[in-house]
Amino acid sequence: MKAGRYTEALDHHTLALNMIEDSMNTNELDICNTKCDQGVVYYHLGNFKKATTVLESACSIQRQVLGNHHCRVAKTMYHLAIIRRIRYDIDPSLHLLNEAVKIQLSTIGQSNPDTISSQLEVAKSLLDFDEIDEAIMQLERVFEVQRNILGNEHPDLVETLHCVGICYARKNDETRAMNYFEQCYRCLSYTSHAASAN
């Protein structure tokens, strides 16, 4: 997945699913979680219809088994929201993301990477709605959490800084936009240098 070899990843997830279904010790949740992994691969491959079908079915089972306020349910809602946002179905996407964030804050907490990812997507959806000031507030909160956890030079900060820069560019505040884009560039340069040194 992380290498972007999605077809190969799908083959592995399908093989894993077949093995789980054939196992004597399997349960419905194991099958469901593996199908979620397949759904994520489908949307990376651009098969949004298949991804939505798989993830919605999995989410329904997760809710039955785990309840509506479980972090695994929130993770699946996050993936469904991403697909809807990609397809410009912004309002349902934002609704799903807000619900996911509520669950994540009450179960895994603010510092968990899944919570941060959901909050970052909320900010992007707000930007899609041209609610730029709200998006900036959300991004600044995310950035502070990331910086407290990861430090000032972590590559995960780059996307957040870039999004803030885009917000200020949309507000025609070129000075602030350039400031954030320069921070983004410095962070990228530092991480590239650190990677080559290792």
Protein backbone atom coordinates (compact mmCIF):
# COMPACT_ATOMS: atom_id res chain seq x y z
CA MET A 1 0.00 0.00 0.00
CA LYS A 2 2.60 2.56 1.10
CA ALA A 3 4.71 1.81 -1.96
CA GLY A 4 1.72 2.53 -4.19
CA ARG A 5 1.61 -1.04 -5.52
CA TYR A 6 -2.16 -1.24 -5.15
CA THR A 7 -2.86 -4.14 -7.51
CA GLU A 8 -0.35 -6.27 -5.64
CA ALA A 9 -1.82 -5.11 -2.32
CA LEU A 10 -5.29 -6.14 -3.49
CA ASP A 11 -3.97 -9.59 -4.39
CA HIS A 12 -2.53 -9.96 -0.88
CA HIS A 13 -5.72 -8.77 0.82
CA THR A 14 -7.80 -11.14 -1.32
CA LEU A 15 -5.50 -14.03 -0.43
CA ALA A 16 -5.71 -13.09 3.24
CA LEU A 17 -9.51 -12.92 3.05
CA ASN A 18 -9.70 -16.38 1.47
CA MET A 19 -7.44 -17.78 4.20
CA ILE A 20 -9.49 -16.15 6.95
CA GLU A 21 -12.76 -17.43 5.49
CA ASP A 22 -11.30 -20.96 5.28
CA SER A 23 -9.97 -20.89 8.84
CA MET A 24 -11.76 -22.75 11.62
CA ASN A 25 -11.00 -19.92 14.10
CA THR A 26 -12.29 -17.02 12.05
CA ASN A 27 -15.03 -14.60 13.03
CA GLU A 28 -17.21 -12.07 11.24
CA LEU A 29 -15.12 -9.12 12.42
CA ASP A 30 -11.87 -10.56 11.01
CA ILE A 31 -13.55 -10.95 7.62
CA CYS A 32 -15.05 -7.48 7.86
CA ASN A 33 -11.73 -5.78 8.72
CA THR A 34 -9.98 -7.47 5.81
CA LYS A 35 -12.75 -6.32 3.48
CA CYS A 36 -12.17 -2.77 4.76
CA ASP A 37 -8.53 -3.10 3.71
CA GLN A 38 -9.72 -4.25 0.28
CA GLY A 39 -12.08 -1.28 0.08
CA VAL A 40 -9.24 1.15 0.73
CA VAL A 41 -7.21 -0.44 -2.07
CA TYR A 42 -10.18 -0.22 -4.44
CA TYR A 43 -10.46 3.53 -3.96
CA HIS A 44 -6.72 3.97 -4.47
CA LEU A 45 -7.19 2.09 -7.74
CA GLY A 46 -9.98 4.50 -8.69
CA ASN A 47 -12.79 1.96 -8.40
CA PHE A 48 -14.91 4.19 -6.16
CA LYS A 49 -18.17 2.31 -6.71
CA LYS A 50 -16.67 -1.01 -5.61
CA ALA A 51 -14.85 0.66 -2.71
CA THR A 52 -18.06 2.28 -1.48
CA THR A 53 -20.01 -0.97 -1.67
CA VAL A 54 -17.34 -2.91 0.22
CA LEU A 55 -16.80 -0.25 2.89
CA GLU A 56 -20.49 0.44 3.49
CA SER A 57 -21.17 -3.27 3.94
CA ALA A 58 -18.17 -3.59 6.29
CA CYS A 59 -19.20 -0.52 8.28
CA SER A 60 -22.68 -1.97 8.81
CA ILE A 61 -21.20 -5.19 10.23
CA GLN A 62 -18.71 -3.27 12.38
CA ARG A 63 -21.57 -1.26 13.88
CA GLN A 64 -23.48 -4.46 14.69
CA VAL A 65 -20.47 -6.17 16.28
CA LEU A 66 -18.60 -3.23 17.85
CA GLY A 67 -21.33 -0.62 18.34
CA ASN A 68 -21.64 2.81 16.77
CA HIS A 69 -18.93 4.49 18.84
CA HIS A 70 -15.90 2.31 18.15
CA CYS A 71 -12.66 3.66 16.67
CA ARG A 72 -12.70 0.97 13.94
CA VAL A 73 -16.12 2.19 12.82
CA ALA A 74 -14.75 5.75 12.75
CA LYS A 75 -11.83 4.63 10.57
CA THR A 76 -14.19 3.08 8.01
CA MET A 77 -16.35 6.22 8.06
CA TYR A 78 -13.18 8.22 7.36
CA HIS A 79 -12.45 6.14 4.25
CA LEU A 80 -16.04 6.49 3.04
CA ALA A 81 -15.77 10.25 3.55
CA ILE A 82 -12.56 10.38 1.49
CA ILE A 83 -14.33 8.66 -1.42
CA ARG A 84 -17.27 11.06 -1.22
CA ARG A 85 -14.94 14.06 -1.16
CA ILE A 86 -13.01 12.75 -4.19
CA ARG A 87 -16.37 12.46 -5.98
CA TYR A 88 -17.27 16.04 -4.95
CA ASP A 89 -20.06 14.85 -2.67
CA ILE A 90 -18.80 17.29 -0.05
CA ASP A 91 -21.73 17.66 2.35
CA PRO A 92 -22.08 13.92 3.16
CA SER A 93 -18.29 13.69 3.32
CA LEU A 94 -18.09 16.44 5.93
CA HIS A 95 -20.92 14.86 7.94
CA LEU A 96 -19.12 11.49 8.02
CA LEU A 97 -15.82 13.14 8.98
CA ASN A 98 -17.36 15.11 11.83
CA GLU A 99 -18.98 11.94 13.17
CA ALA A 100 -15.67 10.08 12.85
CA VAL A 101 -13.81 12.83 14.74
CA LYS A 102 -16.35 12.74 17.60
CA ILE A 103 -15.88 8.99 17.97
CA GLN A 104 -12.09 9.23 17.72
CA LEU A 105 -11.79 12.03 20.28
CA SER A 106 -13.84 10.00 22.77
CA THR A 107 -12.07 6.68 22.14
CA ILE A 108 -8.47 7.07 20.94
CA GLY A 109 -7.90 10.74 21.77
CA GLN A 110 -6.57 13.84 20.07
CA SER A 111 -2.98 12.63 19.69
CA ASN A 112 -3.80 9.52 17.66
CA PRO A 113 -2.76 9.71 13.97
CA ASP A 114 -6.23 8.57 12.87
CA THR A 115 -7.87 11.49 14.70
CA ILE A 116 -5.39 13.93 13.19
CA SER A 117 -6.01 12.54 9.68
CA SER A 118 -9.76 12.95 10.10
CA GLN A 119 -9.39 16.51 11.36
CA LEU A 120 -7.13 17.35 8.43
CA GLU A 121 -9.78 16.06 6.03
CA VAL A 122 -12.44 18.12 7.83
CA ALA A 123 -10.33 21.21 7.12
CA LYS A 124 -10.00 20.27 3.44
CA SER A 125 -13.78 19.82 3.19
CA LEU A 126 -14.32 23.22 4.82
CA LEU A 127 -11.99 24.68 2.22
CA ASP A 128 -14.08 23.01 -0.50
CA PHE A 129 -17.08 24.87 0.94
CA ASP A 130 -15.09 28.14 0.88
CA GLU A 131 -15.33 28.29 4.67
CA ILE A 132 -11.73 29.42 4.68
CA ASP A 133 -11.49 30.95 8.16
CA GLU A 134 -12.97 27.79 9.69
CA ALA A 135 -10.54 25.69 7.67
CA ILE A 136 -7.59 27.77 8.89
CA MET A 137 -8.68 27.39 12.53
CA GLN A 138 -8.97 23.62 12.09
CA LEU A 139 -5.60 23.38 10.34
CA GLU A 140 -3.84 25.46 12.98
CA ARG A 141 -5.21 23.17 15.71
CA VAL A 142 -4.04 20.12 13.77
CA PHE A 143 -0.62 21.69 13.20
CA GLU A 144 -0.12 22.42 16.91
CA VAL A 145 -1.00 18.84 17.83
CA GLN A 146 1.32 17.47 15.15
CA ARG A 147 4.18 19.75 16.19
CA ASN A 148 3.78 18.84 19.87
CA ILE A 149 3.94 15.16 19.03
CA LEU A 150 6.40 15.11 16.13
CA GLY A 151 8.58 18.21 16.53
CA ASN A 152 9.15 21.04 14.07
CA GLU A 153 10.75 19.16 11.17
CA HIS A 154 8.58 16.08 10.62
CA PRO A 155 7.35 15.32 7.07
CA ASP A 156 3.76 14.93 8.33
CA LEU A 157 3.73 18.68 8.94
CA VAL A 158 4.21 19.41 5.24
CA GLU A 159 0.65 18.64 4.12
CA THR A 160 -0.84 20.73 6.92
CA LEU A 161 1.43 23.70 6.18
CA HIS A 162 0.63 23.43 2.47
CA CYS A 163 -3.12 23.44 3.17
CA VAL A 164 -2.81 26.54 5.35
CA GLY A 165 -0.84 28.22 2.57
CA ILE A 166 -3.61 27.38 0.10
CA CYS A 167 -6.19 28.88 2.48
CA TYR A 168 -4.32 32.18 2.68
CA ALA A 169 -3.78 32.16 -1.09
CA ARG A 170 -7.55 31.79 -1.51
CA LYS A 171 -7.94 34.82 0.77
CA ASN A 172 -5.50 36.72 -1.49
CA ASP A 173 -3.11 37.11 1.45
CA GLU A 174 0.04 36.45 -0.56
CA THR A 175 2.43 37.31 2.27
CA ARG A 176 1.01 34.74 4.69
CA ALA A 177 0.55 32.19 1.93
CA MET A 178 4.21 32.48 0.92
CA ASN A 179 5.26 32.26 4.56
CA TYR A 180 3.51 28.89 4.91
CA PHE A 181 4.76 27.62 1.55
CA GLU A 182 8.33 28.57 2.58
CA GLN A 183 7.91 26.70 5.87
CA CYS A 184 6.64 23.77 3.84
CA TYR A 185 9.70 23.92 1.58
CA ARG A 186 12.10 24.17 4.53
CA CYS A 187 10.49 21.17 6.16
CA LEU A 188 10.74 19.17 2.92
CA SER A 189 14.37 20.21 2.48
CA TYR A 190 15.22 19.21 6.04
CA THR A 191 13.55 15.80 5.78
CA SER A 192 15.18 15.13 2.38
CA HIS A 193 18.59 16.06 3.76
CA ALA A 194 18.04 13.91 6.86
CA ALA A 195 16.97 10.96 4.71
CA SER A 196 20.02 11.22 2.43
CA ALA A 197 22.32 11.53 5.45
CA ASN A 198 20.99 8.24 6.80
